Every structure is written in structure tokens, then in C-alpha cells.
Protein backbone atom coordinates (compact mmCIF):
# COMPACT_ATOMS: atom_id res chain seq x y z
CA MET A 1 47.45 -11.38 50.04
CA GLU A 2 47.79 -7.45 50.12
CA GLU A 3 49.40 -8.11 46.77
CA ASP A 4 47.44 -10.62 45.00
CA TYR A 5 44.47 -7.68 46.15
CA ASP A 6 46.58 -4.66 44.62
CA ASP A 7 47.47 -6.77 41.34
CA LEU A 8 43.33 -8.37 40.77
CA LYS A 9 42.60 -4.66 41.69
CA GLU A 10 44.63 -3.48 38.84
CA LYS A 11 43.66 -6.06 36.42
CA TYR A 12 40.12 -5.38 36.99
CA ASP A 13 40.63 -1.43 36.65
CA GLY A 14 42.45 -2.26 32.96
CA THR A 15 39.66 -4.34 32.04
CA VAL A 16 37.05 -2.49 33.06
CA GLY A 17 38.93 0.54 31.08
CA GLY A 18 39.01 -1.50 28.07
CA LEU A 19 35.49 -2.15 28.14
CA ASP A 20 34.68 1.34 28.35
CA ASP A 21 36.97 2.21 25.44
CA LEU A 22 35.25 -0.96 23.35
CA LYS A 23 31.70 0.38 24.11
CA ASN A 24 32.58 4.13 23.25
CA SER A 25 34.26 2.78 20.07
CA ILE A 26 30.99 0.95 19.14
CA ILE A 27 28.72 3.81 19.52
CA GLN A 28 31.17 6.16 17.79
CA GLU A 29 30.89 3.54 14.77
CA HIS A 30 27.03 3.75 14.73
CA ILE A 31 27.10 7.11 15.10
CA ASN A 32 29.28 7.28 12.07
CA GLY A 33 27.05 4.89 10.04
CA PHE A 34 24.44 6.69 10.89
CA GLU A 35 25.72 10.11 9.77
CA LYS A 36 26.64 8.11 6.58
CA GLY A 37 23.44 7.09 5.64
CA LEU A 38 21.79 10.69 6.32
CA ARG A 39 24.40 12.02 3.87
CA GLN A 40 23.50 9.39 1.20
CA ALA A 41 19.64 10.02 1.25
CA ALA A 42 20.71 13.43 0.87
CA PHE A 43 22.70 12.86 -2.16
CA PHE A 44 19.99 10.59 -3.81
CA HIS A 45 17.00 12.52 -2.76
CA ARG A 46 18.21 15.90 -3.37
CA GLY A 47 14.65 16.83 -3.98
CA ILE A 48 13.59 15.98 -0.32
CA ASP A 49 13.52 19.02 2.06
CA VAL A 50 14.26 17.09 5.23
CA MET A 51 13.31 20.03 7.12
CA ASP A 52 9.87 19.37 6.38
CA VAL A 53 6.86 18.40 8.76
CA LYS A 54 6.55 15.44 7.60
CA PHE A 55 10.00 14.01 8.54
CA ASP A 56 9.54 13.74 12.48
CA VAL A 57 11.88 11.53 14.68
CA ASN A 58 9.45 10.14 16.72
CA LYS A 59 7.61 8.15 13.97
CA ASP A 60 8.88 5.37 12.30
CA VAL A 61 7.67 3.03 9.23
CA ILE A 62 6.14 0.13 10.17
CA ASP A 63 4.54 -2.41 7.98
CA GLY A 64 4.43 0.54 5.16
CA ARG A 65 2.71 3.01 7.25
CA LEU A 66 4.28 6.06 9.23
CA VAL A 67 3.22 5.83 13.05
CA ASN A 68 4.28 7.14 16.30
CA GLU A 69 6.88 5.05 17.90
CA ASP A 70 4.48 3.94 20.68
CA GLU A 71 1.63 2.92 18.09
CA GLY A 72 4.21 0.52 16.91
CA SER A 73 4.23 -1.70 20.07
CA ASP A 74 0.46 -2.39 19.16
CA GLY A 75 0.38 -5.16 16.78
CA GLU A 76 -3.50 -5.28 16.01
CA GLU A 77 -3.47 -2.09 15.20
CA ALA A 78 -0.42 -1.95 12.70
CA GLU A 79 -2.08 -5.24 11.16
CA ALA A 80 -5.75 -3.81 10.57
CA GLY A 81 -3.80 -0.75 8.68
CA VAL A 82 -1.85 -2.90 6.78
CA GLU A 83 -4.92 -5.07 5.84
CA GLU A 84 -6.87 -1.76 5.05
CA LYS A 85 -3.85 -0.48 2.80
CA GLU A 86 -3.20 -3.70 1.02
CA ALA A 87 -7.35 -3.69 0.16
CA GLU A 88 -7.14 -0.19 -0.86
CA GLU A 89 -4.32 -0.99 -3.20
CA VAL A 90 -6.46 -3.99 -4.69
CA THR A 91 -9.45 -2.17 -5.11
CA LYS A 92 -7.26 1.02 -7.29
CA ALA A 93 -5.85 -1.74 -9.12
CA VAL A 94 -9.24 -3.56 -10.40
CA ASP A 95 -10.63 0.21 -10.90
CA ALA A 96 -7.45 1.04 -12.91
CA GLY A 97 -8.36 -1.57 -15.54
CA PRO A 98 -6.15 -3.44 -17.53
CA VAL A 99 -2.30 -2.76 -17.46
CA ALA A 100 -0.35 -2.29 -20.25
CA LEU A 101 2.48 -3.96 -21.34
CA ASP A 102 6.19 -2.08 -20.96
CA ALA A 103 7.25 -1.61 -24.43
CA ALA A 104 11.00 -3.08 -23.04
CA GLU A 105 9.26 -6.42 -22.52
């Protein structure tokens, strides 16, 4: 009985260690992917200063708006903002008058 316990304990410890290794690998891959995205953003948008105060890690883009993360959970407020933005875009388009056709078309 003691031998069975020791065998099971050893298998359990090995499994837990393996799961920890997998978890750490997954986390590292997420970090690597995020850093790759940052490098690509810096490459494609060279003229943008990422140290600018507009870049705030506590904000997120939700429904086309930059909002604080805690505001993002309030669905009604976000929907109202989107409807307001869409109304503004329609108003701007109407005020702009007719659109000229692109020369390539």
C-alpha cells in the first residue's frame, strides 16, 4: 500500500510539474506575441510617438471609442456614444456635399 502511494505521489508531482511548464510556455508565447505586435506597430507607424500622453494602458478601444477600461463594462453608455458618433459622421457627410469619384474608378 505504501509503494502504491509513493508511485501515485511521484506521478502526481511529475504531472503538476509538467502542467506548470506548459502554463509557463503559454504565458511566454503570449508575451512574445505581444512584443512582436509592438515591434510591428512601431515599424508601420514610425511617425507616431508611443510616449505621447494619448497612449494610456488603462484605456481600451471599444466600439470605436477610446475609453477607460472600467467604462467599457457599461454597455448602455458605450452604445449611446457609438450612436452619437454615427450621427455626427452622417451629419458631416451630408454637410460635405457630393463626393467626387476617384480618378481610378
